[in-house]
Amino acid sequence: MELEEAIEAMKKEKVKRVFIQFPEGLKSKILEIADILEKNGIDPIICLENTYGACDLRDEEALRLKCDAILHLGHN
């Protein structure tokens, strides 16, 4: 799923706050992606911890921060 598709899905589900996980190689895009989300009315909460694939979701942390969804980004 591309970022634009993810944003549309979050808007459809009325996501207001999203917890974002980035792999090391995409961390240079953090501010760009956060800005895009904010422009679409979604509050980005950025996880700066290392992420090691799809099995490394920080769902408990996202819940504690009152996030409605997790956006787990990866390379394709």
N, C-alpha and C. Protein backbone atom coordinates (compact mmCIF):
# COMPACT_ATOMS: atom_id res chain seq x y z
N MET A 1 0.85 -1.17 0.00
CA MET A 1 0.00 0.00 0.00
C MET A 1 0.90 1.24 0.00
N GLU A 2 0.59 2.18 -0.84
CA GLU A 2 1.33 3.44 -0.91
C GLU A 2 0.82 4.40 0.17
N LEU A 3 1.61 5.42 0.47
CA LEU A 3 1.24 6.38 1.51
C LEU A 3 -0.11 7.03 1.23
N GLU A 4 -0.36 7.40 -0.02
CA GLU A 4 -1.62 8.05 -0.36
C GLU A 4 -2.81 7.13 -0.06
N GLU A 5 -2.66 5.85 -0.36
CA GLU A 5 -3.72 4.88 -0.06
C GLU A 5 -3.92 4.75 1.44
N ALA A 6 -2.83 4.74 2.18
CA ALA A 6 -2.92 4.63 3.64
C ALA A 6 -3.64 5.84 4.23
N ILE A 7 -3.33 7.02 3.71
CA ILE A 7 -3.99 8.24 4.19
C ILE A 7 -5.48 8.18 3.89
N GLU A 8 -5.85 7.77 2.71
CA GLU A 8 -7.27 7.65 2.36
C GLU A 8 -7.97 6.65 3.27
N ALA A 9 -7.32 5.53 3.56
CA ALA A 9 -7.91 4.53 4.46
C ALA A 9 -8.08 5.10 5.87
N MET A 10 -7.08 5.86 6.34
CA MET A 10 -7.17 6.46 7.67
C MET A 10 -8.28 7.52 7.72
N LYS A 11 -8.42 8.29 6.66
CA LYS A 11 -9.49 9.30 6.62
C LYS A 11 -10.86 8.61 6.63
N LYS A 12 -10.97 7.53 5.89
CA LYS A 12 -12.23 6.78 5.83
C LYS A 12 -12.60 6.24 7.22
N GLU A 13 -11.58 5.81 7.97
CA GLU A 13 -11.80 5.27 9.32
C GLU A 13 -11.80 6.35 10.40
N LYS A 14 -11.69 7.62 9.97
CA LYS A 14 -11.71 8.77 10.87
C LYS A 14 -10.58 8.74 11.91
N VAL A 15 -9.40 8.32 11.46
CA VAL A 15 -8.21 8.31 12.31
C VAL A 15 -7.78 9.75 12.56
N LYS A 16 -7.62 10.09 13.82
CA LYS A 16 -7.19 11.44 14.19
C LYS A 16 -5.71 11.47 14.59
N ARG A 17 -5.22 10.39 15.17
CA ARG A 17 -3.83 10.31 15.63
C ARG A 17 -3.26 8.96 15.22
N VAL A 18 -2.09 9.00 14.55
CA VAL A 18 -1.47 7.77 14.07
C VAL A 18 -0.05 7.65 14.62
N PHE A 19 0.30 6.47 15.04
CA PHE A 19 1.64 6.12 15.53
C PHE A 19 2.42 5.60 14.33
N ILE A 20 3.55 6.25 14.02
CA ILE A 20 4.31 5.89 12.82
C ILE A 20 5.61 5.22 13.19
N GLN A 21 5.87 4.07 12.57
CA GLN A 21 7.14 3.36 12.73
C GLN A 21 7.87 3.37 11.40
N PHE A 22 9.15 3.74 11.44
CA PHE A 22 10.00 3.83 10.25
C PHE A 22 11.17 2.87 10.37
N PRO A 23 11.57 2.22 9.30
CA PRO A 23 12.85 1.51 9.32
C PRO A 23 13.97 2.55 9.21
N GLU A 24 15.14 2.17 9.60
CA GLU A 24 16.29 3.08 9.59
C GLU A 24 16.46 3.79 8.25
N GLY A 25 16.30 3.06 7.16
CA GLY A 25 16.53 3.62 5.83
C GLY A 25 15.53 4.67 5.38
N LEU A 26 14.40 4.79 6.07
CA LEU A 26 13.39 5.79 5.69
C LEU A 26 13.30 6.95 6.68
N LYS A 27 14.14 6.95 7.70
CA LYS A 27 14.05 8.00 8.72
C LYS A 27 14.33 9.39 8.16
N SER A 28 15.00 9.48 7.03
CA SER A 28 15.23 10.79 6.41
C SER A 28 13.94 11.40 5.88
N LYS A 29 12.89 10.61 5.77
CA LYS A 29 11.60 11.07 5.25
C LYS A 29 10.59 11.41 6.35
N ILE A 30 11.02 11.32 7.62
CA ILE A 30 10.09 11.50 8.74
C ILE A 30 9.33 12.82 8.66
N LEU A 31 10.03 13.93 8.52
CA LEU A 31 9.37 15.23 8.53
C LEU A 31 8.46 15.42 7.33
N GLU A 32 8.87 14.92 6.18
CA GLU A 32 8.05 15.01 4.97
C GLU A 32 6.73 14.26 5.15
N ILE A 33 6.80 13.05 5.67
CA ILE A 33 5.60 12.24 5.87
C ILE A 33 4.72 12.83 6.96
N ALA A 34 5.33 13.30 8.05
CA ALA A 34 4.56 13.93 9.12
C ALA A 34 3.81 15.15 8.60
N ASP A 35 4.45 15.95 7.77
CA ASP A 35 3.82 17.13 7.19
C ASP A 35 2.63 16.75 6.31
N ILE A 36 2.79 15.72 5.50
CA ILE A 36 1.69 15.25 4.64
C ILE A 36 0.50 14.80 5.49
N LEU A 37 0.78 14.06 6.56
CA LEU A 37 -0.30 13.61 7.45
C LEU A 37 -1.01 14.79 8.10
N GLU A 38 -0.23 15.75 8.61
CA GLU A 38 -0.84 16.92 9.24
C GLU A 38 -1.72 17.68 8.26
N LYS A 39 -1.29 17.81 7.03
CA LYS A 39 -2.08 18.51 6.01
C LYS A 39 -3.39 17.78 5.71
N ASN A 40 -3.44 16.49 6.07
CA ASN A 40 -4.65 15.69 5.87
C ASN A 40 -5.44 15.53 7.17
N GLY A 41 -5.11 16.34 8.19
CA GLY A 41 -5.86 16.33 9.44
C GLY A 41 -5.54 15.18 10.37
N ILE A 42 -4.39 14.55 10.19
CA ILE A 42 -3.99 13.41 11.02
C ILE A 42 -2.77 13.81 11.84
N ASP A 43 -2.85 13.63 13.15
CA ASP A 43 -1.77 13.98 14.06
C ASP A 43 -0.75 12.83 14.10
N PRO A 44 0.47 13.04 13.58
CA PRO A 44 1.46 11.97 13.57
C PRO A 44 2.25 11.90 14.87
N ILE A 45 2.32 10.72 15.46
CA ILE A 45 3.17 10.45 16.61
C ILE A 45 4.28 9.55 16.09
N ILE A 46 5.50 10.05 16.13
CA ILE A 46 6.62 9.37 15.48
C ILE A 46 7.42 8.54 16.47
N CYS A 47 7.62 7.29 16.14
CA CYS A 47 8.46 6.39 16.93
C CYS A 47 9.87 6.44 16.34
N LEU A 48 10.84 6.83 17.16
CA LEU A 48 12.22 6.92 16.68
C LEU A 48 13.05 5.69 17.03
N GLU A 49 12.43 4.72 17.69
CA GLU A 49 13.12 3.47 18.01
C GLU A 49 13.35 2.68 16.72
N ASN A 50 14.37 1.87 16.70
CA ASN A 50 14.61 1.01 15.54
C ASN A 50 13.44 0.05 15.36
N THR A 51 13.09 -0.20 14.11
CA THR A 51 12.01 -1.11 13.76
C THR A 51 12.60 -2.26 12.96
N TYR A 52 12.23 -3.47 13.33
CA TYR A 52 12.81 -4.66 12.70
C TYR A 52 11.76 -5.51 12.00
N GLY A 53 10.96 -4.89 11.16
CA GLY A 53 10.00 -5.65 10.37
C GLY A 53 8.61 -5.66 10.96
N ALA A 54 7.72 -6.34 10.26
CA ALA A 54 6.30 -6.36 10.60
C ALA A 54 6.00 -6.99 11.95
N CYS A 55 6.91 -7.81 12.45
CA CYS A 55 6.68 -8.45 13.75
C CYS A 55 7.04 -7.53 14.90
N ASP A 56 7.51 -6.32 14.60
CA ASP A 56 7.99 -5.40 15.63
C ASP A 56 7.03 -4.22 15.81
N LEU A 57 5.74 -4.51 15.90
CA LEU A 57 4.76 -3.45 16.12
C LEU A 57 4.78 -3.01 17.58
N ARG A 58 4.69 -1.73 17.80
CA ARG A 58 4.66 -1.18 19.15
C ARG A 58 3.21 -0.78 19.48
N ASP A 59 2.32 -1.78 19.44
CA ASP A 59 0.90 -1.51 19.62
C ASP A 59 0.56 -1.02 21.02
N GLU A 60 1.22 -1.56 22.05
CA GLU A 60 0.94 -1.11 23.42
C GLU A 60 1.34 0.35 23.60
N GLU A 61 2.46 0.73 23.03
CA GLU A 61 2.91 2.12 23.10
C GLU A 61 1.92 3.03 22.36
N ALA A 62 1.45 2.60 21.21
CA ALA A 62 0.48 3.38 20.44
C ALA A 62 -0.82 3.56 21.23
N LEU A 63 -1.27 2.53 21.89
CA LEU A 63 -2.48 2.63 22.71
C LEU A 63 -2.27 3.60 23.87
N ARG A 64 -1.12 3.50 24.52
CA ARG A 64 -0.81 4.40 25.64
C ARG A 64 -0.82 5.86 25.20
N LEU A 65 -0.41 6.11 23.97
CA LEU A 65 -0.37 7.47 23.43
C LEU A 65 -1.68 7.88 22.77
N LYS A 66 -2.70 7.04 22.95
CA LYS A 66 -4.06 7.30 22.44
C LYS A 66 -4.11 7.47 20.92
N CYS A 67 -3.35 6.63 20.24
CA CYS A 67 -3.37 6.63 18.77
C CYS A 67 -4.50 5.74 18.28
N ASP A 68 -5.10 6.14 17.18
CA ASP A 68 -6.20 5.38 16.58
C ASP A 68 -5.70 4.30 15.63
N ALA A 69 -4.45 4.44 15.18
CA ALA A 69 -3.90 3.50 14.19
C ALA A 69 -2.38 3.50 14.26
N ILE A 70 -1.79 2.49 13.65
CA ILE A 70 -0.34 2.41 13.49
C ILE A 70 -0.04 2.40 11.99
N LEU A 71 0.88 3.26 11.58
CA LEU A 71 1.37 3.28 10.21
C LEU A 71 2.78 2.73 10.26
N HIS A 72 2.94 1.50 9.81
CA HIS A 72 4.23 0.80 9.88
C HIS A 72 4.83 0.81 8.48
N LEU A 73 5.80 1.68 8.29
CA LEU A 73 6.38 1.86 6.95
C LEU A 73 7.55 0.93 6.72
N GLY A 74 7.73 0.56 5.46
CA GLY A 74 8.85 -0.32 5.10
C GLY A 74 9.28 -0.07 3.67
N HIS A 75 10.35 -0.73 3.31
CA HIS A 75 10.86 -0.63 1.94
C HIS A 75 10.08 -1.59 1.04
N ASN A 76 10.00 -1.27 -0.24
CA ASN A 76 9.38 -2.22 -1.16
C ASN A 76 10.32 -2.55 -2.29
